[in-house]
Amino acid sequence: MSYAMLVDPRAEGEGAPWLSLPAGTALNDAAEALERLLNAEERLDRLLLVVGDERIGATSGTYLRTVLGIQPDRGPGDEVRAATPGESTRFSVIAFRCAVCGSCAYTAFYDDRYRPVCRAGDHGPMELR
């Protein structure tokens, strides 16, 4: 599976929070999970995408908003457009934080056996935020 379109060639992956998806995740599903994360975490500027055990690469919020065609939220008084009510239930983004250094990781699934481990040092498994 090629996730190259989701990788920003100018984004630095070092020290960035990561989004971990299950191996074999379809490109559309990965894009949807990234979009949900961007909508949930407004201050997110860069992210490392990991699918299964493969480190795909770093991306940025600006790049993904352009590639995925994500429009800014509409405010009061903006033109009303018809849309399907509610949000997708295919993925929910789960946030983790290291209790020692505060680094972040995100997953689209939760299994306590595969909880993210801090990559900044020997800090151990991360905690739910």
N, C-alpha and C. Protein backbone atom coordinates (compact mmCIF):
# COMPACT_ATOMS: atom_id res chain seq x y z
N MET A 1 0.86 -1.17 0.00
CA MET A 1 0.00 0.00 0.00
C MET A 1 0.90 1.23 0.00
N SER A 2 0.63 2.16 -0.89
CA SER A 2 1.43 3.38 -0.97
C SER A 2 0.72 4.54 -0.27
N TYR A 3 1.37 5.06 0.73
CA TYR A 3 0.84 6.19 1.49
C TYR A 3 1.61 7.46 1.14
N ALA A 4 2.39 7.43 0.06
CA ALA A 4 3.28 8.54 -0.29
C ALA A 4 2.55 9.87 -0.42
N MET A 5 1.33 9.87 -0.89
CA MET A 5 0.61 11.14 -1.06
C MET A 5 0.32 11.83 0.27
N LEU A 6 0.39 11.09 1.38
CA LEU A 6 0.12 11.66 2.69
C LEU A 6 1.37 12.21 3.37
N VAL A 7 2.55 11.99 2.77
CA VAL A 7 3.82 12.40 3.36
C VAL A 7 4.25 13.75 2.80
N ASP A 8 4.53 14.69 3.69
CA ASP A 8 5.03 16.01 3.31
C ASP A 8 6.55 15.92 3.20
N PRO A 9 7.12 16.11 2.01
CA PRO A 9 8.57 15.97 1.84
C PRO A 9 9.37 16.98 2.65
N ARG A 10 8.74 18.05 3.11
CA ARG A 10 9.46 19.08 3.87
C ARG A 10 9.28 18.94 5.38
N ALA A 11 8.44 18.02 5.83
CA ALA A 11 8.17 17.88 7.28
C ALA A 11 9.26 17.07 7.96
N GLU A 12 9.66 17.52 9.14
CA GLU A 12 10.64 16.81 9.96
C GLU A 12 9.92 15.82 10.86
N GLY A 13 10.38 14.58 10.88
CA GLY A 13 9.75 13.56 11.70
C GLY A 13 10.32 13.47 13.11
N GLU A 14 11.53 13.97 13.30
CA GLU A 14 12.20 13.87 14.60
C GLU A 14 11.43 14.63 15.66
N GLY A 15 11.02 13.93 16.72
CA GLY A 15 10.33 14.54 17.84
C GLY A 15 8.85 14.82 17.61
N ALA A 16 8.33 14.46 16.44
CA ALA A 16 6.92 14.71 16.14
C ALA A 16 6.05 13.64 16.78
N PRO A 17 4.83 13.99 17.20
CA PRO A 17 3.89 12.95 17.64
C PRO A 17 3.57 12.04 16.46
N TRP A 18 3.13 10.83 16.74
CA TRP A 18 2.84 9.92 15.64
C TRP A 18 1.44 9.38 15.71
N LEU A 19 0.94 9.01 14.55
CA LEU A 19 -0.35 8.33 14.42
C LEU A 19 -0.06 6.91 13.99
N SER A 20 -0.49 5.95 14.79
CA SER A 20 -0.25 4.54 14.50
C SER A 20 -1.54 3.90 14.02
N LEU A 21 -1.48 3.30 12.83
CA LEU A 21 -2.63 2.63 12.24
C LEU A 21 -2.32 1.14 12.09
N PRO A 22 -3.34 0.29 12.08
CA PRO A 22 -3.11 -1.14 11.91
C PRO A 22 -2.50 -1.45 10.54
N ALA A 23 -1.71 -2.50 10.47
CA ALA A 23 -1.13 -2.94 9.20
C ALA A 23 -2.24 -3.22 8.21
N GLY A 24 -2.03 -2.85 6.95
CA GLY A 24 -3.01 -3.10 5.91
C GLY A 24 -4.12 -2.07 5.83
N THR A 25 -4.03 -0.99 6.60
CA THR A 25 -5.05 0.06 6.54
C THR A 25 -5.11 0.63 5.13
N ALA A 26 -6.30 0.74 4.57
CA ALA A 26 -6.47 1.30 3.23
C ALA A 26 -6.09 2.78 3.23
N LEU A 27 -5.62 3.25 2.09
CA LEU A 27 -5.20 4.65 1.95
C LEU A 27 -6.33 5.60 2.33
N ASN A 28 -7.54 5.34 1.87
CA ASN A 28 -8.68 6.20 2.20
C ASN A 28 -8.94 6.23 3.70
N ASP A 29 -8.79 5.08 4.35
CA ASP A 29 -9.00 5.02 5.80
C ASP A 29 -7.90 5.78 6.54
N ALA A 30 -6.66 5.67 6.06
CA ALA A 30 -5.56 6.42 6.67
C ALA A 30 -5.80 7.91 6.52
N ALA A 31 -6.24 8.35 5.34
CA ALA A 31 -6.54 9.76 5.11
C ALA A 31 -7.66 10.23 6.02
N GLU A 32 -8.69 9.40 6.20
CA GLU A 32 -9.80 9.76 7.08
C GLU A 32 -9.34 9.90 8.53
N ALA A 33 -8.48 8.99 8.98
CA ALA A 33 -7.97 9.06 10.35
C ALA A 33 -7.12 10.33 10.53
N LEU A 34 -6.31 10.67 9.54
CA LEU A 34 -5.51 11.89 9.60
C LEU A 34 -6.40 13.13 9.64
N GLU A 35 -7.45 13.12 8.85
CA GLU A 35 -8.37 14.25 8.82
C GLU A 35 -9.07 14.42 10.18
N ARG A 36 -9.50 13.32 10.77
CA ARG A 36 -10.15 13.39 12.09
C ARG A 36 -9.19 13.91 13.14
N LEU A 37 -7.93 13.48 13.06
CA LEU A 37 -6.92 13.95 14.02
C LEU A 37 -6.69 15.45 13.85
N LEU A 38 -6.58 15.90 12.62
CA LEU A 38 -6.38 17.33 12.38
C LEU A 38 -7.56 18.15 12.89
N ASN A 39 -8.76 17.64 12.73
CA ASN A 39 -9.94 18.35 13.21
C ASN A 39 -10.00 18.36 14.74
N ALA A 40 -9.48 17.31 15.38
CA ALA A 40 -9.52 17.22 16.84
C ALA A 40 -8.39 18.00 17.50
N GLU A 41 -7.25 18.07 16.86
CA GLU A 41 -6.06 18.71 17.42
C GLU A 41 -5.68 19.90 16.55
N GLU A 42 -6.25 21.06 16.81
CA GLU A 42 -6.05 22.24 15.97
C GLU A 42 -4.60 22.72 15.95
N ARG A 43 -3.86 22.53 17.04
CA ARG A 43 -2.48 23.04 17.11
C ARG A 43 -1.45 22.07 16.54
N LEU A 44 -1.89 20.96 16.02
CA LEU A 44 -0.98 19.96 15.46
C LEU A 44 -0.33 20.51 14.20
N ASP A 45 1.00 20.63 14.20
CA ASP A 45 1.67 21.18 13.02
C ASP A 45 2.42 20.13 12.21
N ARG A 46 2.81 19.02 12.83
CA ARG A 46 3.48 17.94 12.10
C ARG A 46 3.21 16.63 12.81
N LEU A 47 3.38 15.54 12.06
CA LEU A 47 2.97 14.23 12.54
C LEU A 47 3.75 13.16 11.81
N LEU A 48 4.09 12.09 12.51
CA LEU A 48 4.74 10.93 11.90
C LEU A 48 3.69 9.85 11.72
N LEU A 49 3.54 9.34 10.51
CA LEU A 49 2.57 8.30 10.20
C LEU A 49 3.25 6.94 10.27
N VAL A 50 2.67 6.03 11.08
CA VAL A 50 3.17 4.66 11.24
C VAL A 50 2.03 3.71 10.93
N VAL A 51 2.24 2.78 9.99
CA VAL A 51 1.23 1.79 9.64
C VAL A 51 1.81 0.42 9.94
N GLY A 52 1.18 -0.28 10.88
CA GLY A 52 1.74 -1.56 11.34
C GLY A 52 3.08 -1.28 11.99
N ASP A 53 4.13 -1.93 11.53
CA ASP A 53 5.48 -1.69 12.04
C ASP A 53 6.28 -0.78 11.11
N GLU A 54 5.65 -0.28 10.06
CA GLU A 54 6.37 0.52 9.06
C GLU A 54 6.21 2.01 9.33
N ARG A 55 7.35 2.68 9.45
CA ARG A 55 7.36 4.13 9.61
C ARG A 55 7.24 4.73 8.20
N ILE A 56 6.07 5.31 7.90
CA ILE A 56 5.77 5.81 6.56
C ILE A 56 6.50 7.11 6.28
N GLY A 57 6.40 8.05 7.19
CA GLY A 57 7.07 9.34 7.02
C GLY A 57 6.32 10.43 7.75
N ALA A 58 6.90 11.61 7.73
CA ALA A 58 6.32 12.76 8.42
C ALA A 58 5.44 13.55 7.47
N THR A 59 4.48 14.23 8.06
CA THR A 59 3.60 15.10 7.29
C THR A 59 3.28 16.32 8.15
N SER A 60 2.61 17.27 7.55
CA SER A 60 2.26 18.49 8.28
C SER A 60 0.79 18.79 8.11
N GLY A 61 0.24 19.54 9.04
CA GLY A 61 -1.16 19.92 8.97
C GLY A 61 -1.48 20.72 7.73
N THR A 62 -0.61 21.66 7.39
CA THR A 62 -0.82 22.50 6.21
C THR A 62 -0.84 21.65 4.95
N TYR A 63 0.11 20.74 4.83
CA TYR A 63 0.21 19.86 3.66
C TYR A 63 -1.04 18.98 3.55
N LEU A 64 -1.44 18.34 4.66
CA LEU A 64 -2.60 17.44 4.63
C LEU A 64 -3.88 18.19 4.32
N ARG A 65 -4.03 19.39 4.86
CA ARG A 65 -5.24 20.15 4.56
C ARG A 65 -5.34 20.45 3.07
N THR A 66 -4.18 20.69 2.45
CA THR A 66 -4.16 20.95 1.01
C THR A 66 -4.44 19.67 0.22
N VAL A 67 -3.73 18.60 0.54
CA VAL A 67 -3.86 17.33 -0.18
C VAL A 67 -5.25 16.73 -0.01
N LEU A 68 -5.78 16.77 1.21
CA LEU A 68 -7.08 16.15 1.48
C LEU A 68 -8.24 17.10 1.22
N GLY A 69 -7.95 18.35 0.89
CA GLY A 69 -9.00 19.31 0.59
C GLY A 69 -9.85 19.65 1.80
N ILE A 70 -9.22 19.69 2.98
CA ILE A 70 -9.96 20.00 4.21
C ILE A 70 -10.18 21.51 4.26
N GLN A 71 -11.43 21.88 4.38
CA GLN A 71 -11.80 23.29 4.48
C GLN A 71 -11.86 23.70 5.95
N PRO A 72 -11.53 24.96 6.24
CA PRO A 72 -11.68 25.42 7.62
C PRO A 72 -13.14 25.35 8.06
N ASP A 73 -13.33 25.20 9.37
CA ASP A 73 -14.69 25.16 9.90
C ASP A 73 -15.44 26.43 9.56
N ARG A 74 -16.72 26.26 9.27
CA ARG A 74 -17.56 27.41 8.96
C ARG A 74 -18.07 27.99 10.27
N GLY A 75 -18.25 29.30 10.27
CA GLY A 75 -18.74 29.98 11.46
C GLY A 75 -20.16 30.45 11.28
N PRO A 76 -20.72 31.06 12.32
CA PRO A 76 -22.09 31.57 12.23
C PRO A 76 -22.21 32.59 11.09
N GLY A 77 -23.27 32.49 10.35
CA GLY A 77 -23.50 33.43 9.25
C GLY A 77 -22.94 32.97 7.92
N ASP A 78 -22.09 31.91 7.93
CA ASP A 78 -21.57 31.40 6.67
C ASP A 78 -22.67 30.68 5.91
N GLU A 79 -22.49 30.56 4.63
CA GLU A 79 -23.48 29.88 3.79
C GLU A 79 -23.72 28.46 4.32
N VAL A 80 -24.96 28.07 4.41
CA VAL A 80 -25.31 26.73 4.88
C VAL A 80 -25.34 25.79 3.68
N ARG A 81 -24.65 24.66 3.81
CA ARG A 81 -24.64 23.67 2.74
C ARG A 81 -25.17 22.36 3.28
N ALA A 82 -25.86 21.64 2.44
CA ALA A 82 -26.42 20.36 2.86
C ALA A 82 -25.29 19.36 3.05
N ALA A 83 -25.35 18.59 4.11
CA ALA A 83 -24.35 17.56 4.38
C ALA A 83 -25.01 16.44 5.17
N THR A 84 -24.37 15.31 5.16
CA THR A 84 -24.85 14.20 5.96
C THR A 84 -24.61 14.54 7.42
N PRO A 85 -25.62 14.43 8.28
CA PRO A 85 -25.44 14.78 9.68
C PRO A 85 -24.52 13.79 10.40
N GLY A 86 -23.84 14.27 11.41
CA GLY A 86 -23.00 13.41 12.23
C GLY A 86 -21.61 13.23 11.67
N GLU A 87 -20.81 12.45 12.39
CA GLU A 87 -19.44 12.18 12.01
C GLU A 87 -19.28 10.72 11.63
N SER A 88 -18.22 10.43 10.91
CA SER A 88 -17.91 9.06 10.56
C SER A 88 -17.62 8.27 11.84
N THR A 89 -18.05 7.04 11.88
CA THR A 89 -17.76 6.18 13.04
C THR A 89 -16.73 5.12 12.69
N ARG A 90 -16.10 5.24 11.54
CA ARG A 90 -15.13 4.23 11.12
C ARG A 90 -13.86 4.30 11.97
N PHE A 91 -13.42 5.51 12.32
CA PHE A 91 -12.21 5.67 13.12
C PHE A 91 -12.44 6.71 14.19
N SER A 92 -11.88 6.48 15.34
CA SER A 92 -11.78 7.48 16.39
C SER A 92 -10.30 7.57 16.72
N VAL A 93 -9.81 8.76 16.84
CA VAL A 93 -8.39 8.95 17.15
C VAL A 93 -8.23 8.97 18.67
N ILE A 94 -7.28 8.18 19.16
CA ILE A 94 -7.02 8.07 20.59
C ILE A 94 -5.66 8.69 20.86
N ALA A 95 -5.59 9.61 21.82
CA ALA A 95 -4.35 10.32 22.13
C ALA A 95 -3.67 9.71 23.35
N PHE A 96 -2.34 9.61 23.28
CA PHE A 96 -1.51 9.13 24.38
C PHE A 96 -0.43 10.17 24.66
N ARG A 97 0.03 10.21 25.91
CA ARG A 97 1.09 11.14 26.28
C ARG A 97 2.05 10.42 27.24
N CYS A 98 3.34 10.71 27.08
CA CYS A 98 4.35 10.15 27.98
C CYS A 98 4.29 10.92 29.30
N ALA A 99 4.21 10.20 30.40
CA ALA A 99 4.13 10.84 31.72
C ALA A 99 5.44 11.48 32.12
N VAL A 100 6.56 11.07 31.49
CA VAL A 100 7.87 11.60 31.86
C VAL A 100 8.22 12.85 31.07
N CYS A 101 8.15 12.77 29.72
CA CYS A 101 8.61 13.89 28.89
C CYS A 101 7.48 14.64 28.19
N GLY A 102 6.27 14.09 28.19
CA GLY A 102 5.14 14.78 27.58
C GLY A 102 4.99 14.59 26.09
N SER A 103 5.82 13.75 25.44
CA SER A 103 5.66 13.54 24.00
C SER A 103 4.33 12.84 23.73
N CYS A 104 3.81 13.03 22.52
CA CYS A 104 2.48 12.54 22.17
C CYS A 104 2.52 11.48 21.09
N ALA A 105 1.51 10.63 21.09
CA ALA A 105 1.29 9.65 20.03
C ALA A 105 -0.21 9.49 19.87
N TYR A 106 -0.63 9.10 18.68
CA TYR A 106 -2.05 8.92 18.39
C TYR A 106 -2.23 7.58 17.71
N THR A 107 -3.32 6.89 18.02
CA THR A 107 -3.63 5.64 17.34
C THR A 107 -5.09 5.67 16.89
N ALA A 108 -5.39 4.82 15.93
CA ALA A 108 -6.76 4.70 15.46
C ALA A 108 -7.40 3.43 16.02
N PHE A 109 -6.71 2.81 16.97
CA PHE A 109 -7.22 1.60 17.62
C PHE A 109 -6.66 1.56 19.03
N TYR A 110 -7.29 0.80 19.90
CA TYR A 110 -6.77 0.65 21.26
C TYR A 110 -6.75 -0.81 21.64
N ASP A 111 -5.58 -1.24 22.02
CA ASP A 111 -5.38 -2.58 22.57
C ASP A 111 -4.26 -2.41 23.57
N ASP A 112 -4.53 -2.66 24.84
CA ASP A 112 -3.55 -2.40 25.88
C ASP A 112 -2.24 -3.15 25.65
N ARG A 113 -2.30 -4.25 24.92
CA ARG A 113 -1.08 -4.99 24.62
C ARG A 113 -0.15 -4.23 23.67
N TYR A 114 -0.72 -3.30 22.89
CA TYR A 114 0.06 -2.56 21.89
C TYR A 114 0.03 -1.06 22.17
N ARG A 115 -0.02 -0.69 23.43
CA ARG A 115 -0.02 0.72 23.80
C ARG A 115 1.28 1.36 23.32
N PRO A 116 1.24 2.58 22.78
CA PRO A 116 2.46 3.24 22.31
C PRO A 116 3.49 3.36 23.44
N VAL A 117 4.76 3.18 23.06
CA VAL A 117 5.87 3.32 23.99
C VAL A 117 6.63 4.58 23.60
N CYS A 118 7.03 5.36 24.57
CA CYS A 118 7.74 6.61 24.31
C CYS A 118 9.02 6.34 23.54
N ARG A 119 9.20 7.06 22.45
CA ARG A 119 10.40 6.90 21.61
C ARG A 119 11.50 7.86 22.01
N ALA A 120 11.22 8.75 22.96
CA ALA A 120 12.21 9.75 23.37
C ALA A 120 13.21 9.18 24.36
N GLY A 121 12.96 8.04 24.94
CA GLY A 121 13.86 7.44 25.91
C GLY A 121 13.26 6.16 26.46
N ASP A 122 13.81 5.68 27.55
CA ASP A 122 13.31 4.47 28.19
C ASP A 122 12.22 4.83 29.19
N HIS A 123 11.20 5.54 28.72
CA HIS A 123 10.13 6.02 29.59
C HIS A 123 8.99 5.03 29.71
N GLY A 124 8.96 4.02 28.86
CA GLY A 124 7.93 2.99 28.96
C GLY A 124 6.65 3.35 28.22
N PRO A 125 5.59 2.58 28.48
CA PRO A 125 4.31 2.79 27.79
C PRO A 125 3.71 4.15 28.11
N MET A 126 3.04 4.72 27.12
CA MET A 126 2.40 6.02 27.30
C MET A 126 1.03 5.85 27.94
N GLU A 127 0.50 6.96 28.43
CA GLU A 127 -0.80 6.95 29.11
C GLU A 127 -1.84 7.61 28.23
N LEU A 128 -3.10 7.22 28.39
CA LEU A 128 -4.19 7.88 27.69
C LEU A 128 -4.25 9.33 28.14
N ARG A 129 -4.50 10.23 27.18
CA ARG A 129 -4.63 11.65 27.53
C ARG A 129 -6.01 11.96 27.97
